Amino acid sequence: MTAEQQETGLSDKIAATVQAYIDGLNTGSADDIVALFADGATVEDPIGTPVRSTRDELLEFYGVVTGLDSRSATLAWTRIAGDTAVFEFTLVTGTGGMTFQITPIDIMTFDDDGKIRTMRAVWEQSDLTQV
């Protein structure tokens, strides 16, 4: 297999993982989402907050989203280069009769199996709006 074929294979794996991540935000459980991460993966969401680095921390973090009354994630675009994906999506959530929307940009790096090694989300509190 050539280096170009290997990169294409990884790119396909990354694209599939990004889509599975969005699907998990839509209808999956915290376990489903965390299964997309490699052992020892880190999440910094948003950038500047404490990095989550254990499976329990990731389950707790994604459990907040998957435990909401409603949630809908829509992928806007994705760019992949090497072991890195950058993508924008809109997440609309509902709880307690209120609906919130945020459109973060996520930066993820991946291992050779297409598992997420690092996730950093670009957004700030003012980006979270009530709709």
C-alpha atoms as a PDB file:
ATOM      1  CA  MET A   1       0.000   0.000   0.000  1.00  0.00           C
ATOM      2  CA  THR A   2       1.369   3.396  -0.947  1.00  0.00           C
ATOM      3  CA  ALA A   3       1.552   6.339   1.455  1.00  0.00           C
ATOM      4  CA  GLU A   4      -1.202   8.002  -0.564  1.00  0.00           C
ATOM      5  CA  GLN A   5      -3.453   4.939  -0.218  1.00  0.00           C
ATOM      6  CA  GLN A   6      -2.756   4.803   3.520  1.00  0.00           C
ATOM      7  CA  GLU A   7      -3.652   8.487   3.880  1.00  0.00           C
ATOM      8  CA  THR A   8      -6.842   7.974   1.857  1.00  0.00           C
ATOM      9  CA  GLY A   9      -7.760   5.021   4.093  1.00  0.00           C
ATOM     10  CA  LEU A  10      -7.205   7.078   7.233  1.00  0.00           C
ATOM     11  CA  SER A  11      -9.156   9.977   5.753  1.00  0.00           C
ATOM     12  CA  ASP A  12     -12.106   7.647   5.151  1.00  0.00           C
ATOM     13  CA  LYS A  13     -11.878   6.325   8.721  1.00  0.00           C
ATOM     14  CA  ILE A  14     -11.743   9.874  10.092  1.00  0.00           C
ATOM     15  CA  ALA A  15     -14.759  10.959   8.018  1.00  0.00           C
ATOM     16  CA  ALA A  16     -16.704   7.940   9.277  1.00  0.00           C
ATOM     17  CA  THR A  17     -15.766   8.717  12.898  1.00  0.00           C
ATOM     18  CA  VAL A  18     -16.793  12.363  12.556  1.00  0.00           C
ATOM     19  CA  GLN A  19     -20.164  11.246  11.184  1.00  0.00           C
ATOM     20  CA  ALA A  20     -20.509   8.666  13.974  1.00  0.00           C
ATOM     21  CA  TYR A  21     -19.737  11.441  16.489  1.00  0.00           C
ATOM     22  CA  ILE A  22     -22.541  13.600  15.058  1.00  0.00           C
ATOM     23  CA  ASP A  23     -24.859  10.584  14.995  1.00  0.00           C
ATOM     24  CA  GLY A  24     -23.973   9.907  18.632  1.00  0.00           C
ATOM     25  CA  LEU A  25     -24.819  13.473  19.581  1.00  0.00           C
ATOM     26  CA  ASN A  26     -28.181  12.994  17.858  1.00  0.00           C
ATOM     27  CA  THR A  27     -29.318   9.630  19.159  1.00  0.00           C
ATOM     28  CA  GLY A  28     -26.466   7.829  20.880  1.00  0.00           C
ATOM     29  CA  SER A  29     -25.586   7.240  24.480  1.00  0.00           C
ATOM     30  CA  ALA A  30     -22.544   8.616  26.282  1.00  0.00           C
ATOM     31  CA  ASP A  31     -21.052   5.121  25.932  1.00  0.00           C
ATOM     32  CA  ASP A  32     -21.595   5.225  22.158  1.00  0.00           C
ATOM     33  CA  ILE A  33     -19.775   8.538  21.861  1.00  0.00           C
ATOM     34  CA  VAL A  34     -16.927   7.608  24.204  1.00  0.00           C
ATOM     35  CA  ALA A  35     -16.397   4.373  22.227  1.00  0.00           C
ATOM     36  CA  LEU A  36     -15.186   6.585  19.356  1.00  0.00           C
ATOM     37  CA  PHE A  37     -12.213   7.723  21.461  1.00  0.00           C
ATOM     38  CA  ALA A  38      -8.848   5.972  21.740  1.00  0.00           C
ATOM     39  CA  ASP A  39      -7.525   4.911  25.139  1.00  0.00           C
ATOM     40  CA  GLY A  40      -5.992   7.944  26.839  1.00  0.00           C
ATOM     41  CA  ALA A  41      -7.828  10.432  24.620  1.00  0.00           C
ATOM     42  CA  THR A  42      -8.385  13.991  25.800  1.00  0.00           C
ATOM     43  CA  VAL A  43     -11.286  16.426  25.446  1.00  0.00           C
ATOM     44  CA  GLU A  44     -10.942  20.188  25.920  1.00  0.00           C
ATOM     45  CA  ASP A  45     -14.424  21.619  25.415  1.00  0.00           C
ATOM     46  CA  PRO A  46     -14.268  24.540  25.090  1.00  0.00           C
ATOM     47  CA  ILE A  47     -10.590  25.353  24.660  1.00  0.00           C
ATOM     48  CA  GLY A  48      -9.288  26.885  27.867  1.00  0.00           C
ATOM     49  CA  THR A  49     -11.317  24.683  30.214  1.00  0.00           C
ATOM     50  CA  PRO A  50      -9.797  21.771  32.136  1.00  0.00           C
ATOM     51  CA  VAL A  51      -8.850  18.846  29.911  1.00  0.00           C
ATOM     52  CA  ARG A  52     -10.840  15.674  30.474  1.00  0.00           C
ATOM     53  CA  SER A  53      -8.606  12.641  30.095  1.00  0.00           C
ATOM     54  CA  THR A  54     -10.214   9.626  31.752  1.00  0.00           C
ATOM     55  CA  ARG A  55     -13.029   7.449  30.461  1.00  0.00           C
ATOM     56  CA  ASP A  56     -15.153   8.412  33.486  1.00  0.00           C
ATOM     57  CA  GLU A  57     -14.616  12.120  32.775  1.00  0.00           C
ATOM     58  CA  LEU A  58     -15.597  11.619  29.126  1.00  0.00           C
ATOM     59  CA  LEU A  59     -18.701   9.618  30.102  1.00  0.00           C
ATOM     60  CA  GLU A  60     -19.730  12.332  32.550  1.00  0.00           C
ATOM     61  CA  PHE A  61     -19.156  15.075  29.958  1.00  0.00           C
ATOM     62  CA  TYR A  62     -21.097  13.385  27.143  1.00  0.00           C
ATOM     63  CA  GLY A  63     -23.718  12.170  29.614  1.00  0.00           C
ATOM     64  CA  VAL A  64     -24.787  15.789  30.065  1.00  0.00           C
ATOM     65  CA  VAL A  65     -25.671  16.081  26.367  1.00  0.00           C
ATOM     66  CA  THR A  66     -27.173  12.605  25.980  1.00  0.00           C
ATOM     67  CA  GLY A  67     -29.259  13.122  29.114  1.00  0.00           C
ATOM     68  CA  LEU A  68     -31.083  16.188  27.793  1.00  0.00           C
ATOM     69  CA  ASP A  69     -34.769  16.100  26.865  1.00  0.00           C
ATOM     70  CA  SER A  70     -33.973  16.700  23.176  1.00  0.00           C
ATOM     71  CA  ARG A  71     -30.922  17.107  20.987  1.00  0.00           C
ATOM     72  CA  SER A  72     -30.215  17.561  17.327  1.00  0.00           C
ATOM     73  CA  ALA A  73     -26.776  17.880  15.740  1.00  0.00           C
ATOM     74  CA  THR A  74     -26.273  18.903  12.121  1.00  0.00           C
ATOM     75  CA  LEU A  75     -22.858  18.718  10.462  1.00  0.00           C
ATOM     76  CA  ALA A  76     -22.132  21.813   8.335  1.00  0.00           C
ATOM     77  CA  TRP A  77     -18.707  20.963   6.893  1.00  0.00           C
ATOM     78  CA  THR A  78     -15.577  18.889   7.520  1.00  0.00           C
ATOM     79  CA  ARG A  79     -11.942  19.298   6.461  1.00  0.00           C
ATOM     80  CA  ILE A  80      -9.478  16.437   6.882  1.00  0.00           C
ATOM     81  CA  ALA A  81      -5.703  16.573   6.515  1.00  0.00           C
ATOM     82  CA  GLY A  82      -3.379  13.837   7.687  1.00  0.00           C
ATOM     83  CA  ASP A  83      -4.517  12.694  11.149  1.00  0.00           C
ATOM     84  CA  THR A  84      -6.631  15.812  11.807  1.00  0.00           C
ATOM     85  CA  ALA A  85     -10.234  16.804  11.164  1.00  0.00           C
ATOM     86  CA  VAL A  86     -11.788  20.214  11.661  1.00  0.00           C
ATOM     87  CA  PHE A  87     -15.545  20.473  11.422  1.00  0.00           C
ATOM     88  CA  GLU A  88     -18.450  22.757  12.265  1.00  0.00           C
ATOM     89  CA  PHE A  89     -21.804  21.576  13.476  1.00  0.00           C
ATOM     90  CA  THR A  90     -24.877  23.031  15.097  1.00  0.00           C
ATOM     91  CA  LEU A  91     -26.230  21.434  18.247  1.00  0.00           C
ATOM     92  CA  VAL A  92     -29.749  22.293  19.377  1.00  0.00           C
ATOM     93  CA  THR A  93     -30.729  20.964  22.796  1.00  0.00           C
ATOM     94  CA  GLY A  94     -33.817  21.175  24.907  1.00  0.00           C
ATOM     95  CA  THR A  95     -34.361  20.799  28.623  1.00  0.00           C
ATOM     96  CA  GLY A  96     -36.877  22.117  31.111  1.00  0.00           C
ATOM     97  CA  GLY A  97     -38.965  23.719  28.381  1.00  0.00           C
ATOM     98  CA  MET A  98     -36.012  25.761  27.095  1.00  0.00           C
ATOM     99  CA  THR A  99     -34.095  25.286  23.843  1.00  0.00           C
ATOM    100  CA  PHE A 100     -30.447  26.204  23.311  1.00  0.00           C
ATOM    101  CA  GLN A 101     -28.269  26.319  20.209  1.00  0.00           C
ATOM    102  CA  ILE A 102     -24.520  26.371  19.717  1.00  0.00           C
ATOM    103  CA  THR A 103     -22.350  26.074  16.612  1.00  0.00           C
ATOM    104  CA  PRO A 104     -18.861  25.014  17.685  1.00  0.00           C
ATOM    105  CA  ILE A 105     -15.892  24.156  15.530  1.00  0.00           C
ATOM    106  CA  ASP A 106     -14.182  20.981  16.693  1.00  0.00           C
ATOM    107  CA  ILE A 107     -10.576  20.059  16.039  1.00  0.00           C
ATOM    108  CA  MET A 108      -9.823  16.362  16.414  1.00  0.00           C
ATOM    109  CA  THR A 109      -6.738  14.241  15.918  1.00  0.00           C
ATOM    110  CA  PHE A 110      -7.000  10.510  15.265  1.00  0.00           C
ATOM    111  CA  ASP A 111      -4.963   7.342  15.604  1.00  0.00           C
ATOM    112  CA  ASP A 112      -4.332   4.954  12.703  1.00  0.00           C
ATOM    113  CA  ASP A 113      -7.585   3.114  13.467  1.00  0.00           C
ATOM    114  CA  GLY A 114      -9.657   6.295  13.140  1.00  0.00           C
ATOM    115  CA  LYS A 115     -10.204   6.622  16.900  1.00  0.00           C
ATOM    116  CA  ILE A 116     -10.209  10.136  18.372  1.00  0.00           C
ATOM    117  CA  ARG A 117      -6.989  10.958  20.263  1.00  0.00           C
ATOM    118  CA  THR A 118      -7.726  14.605  21.019  1.00  0.00           C
ATOM    119  CA  MET A 119     -10.788  16.808  20.738  1.00  0.00           C
ATOM    120  CA  ARG A 120     -10.686  20.564  21.189  1.00  0.00           C
ATOM    121  CA  ALA A 121     -13.843  22.636  20.730  1.00  0.00           C
ATOM    122  CA  VAL A 122     -13.715  26.256  19.651  1.00  0.00           C
ATOM    123  CA  TRP A 123     -16.559  28.263  21.164  1.00  0.00           C
ATOM    124  CA  GLU A 124     -17.203  30.629  24.052  1.00  0.00           C
ATOM    125  CA  GLN A 125     -20.144  31.116  26.379  1.00  0.00           C
ATOM    126  CA  SER A 126     -21.620  33.939  24.275  1.00  0.00           C
ATOM    127  CA  ASP A 127     -21.966  31.446  21.385  1.00  0.00           C
ATOM    128  CA  LEU A 128     -24.573  29.466  23.374  1.00  0.00           C
ATOM    129  CA  THR A 129     -27.928  31.065  22.668  1.00  0.00           C
ATOM    130  CA  GLN A 130     -31.465  30.398  23.815  1.00  0.00           C
ATOM    131  CA  VAL A 131     -33.830  29.930  20.893  1.00  0.00           C
END
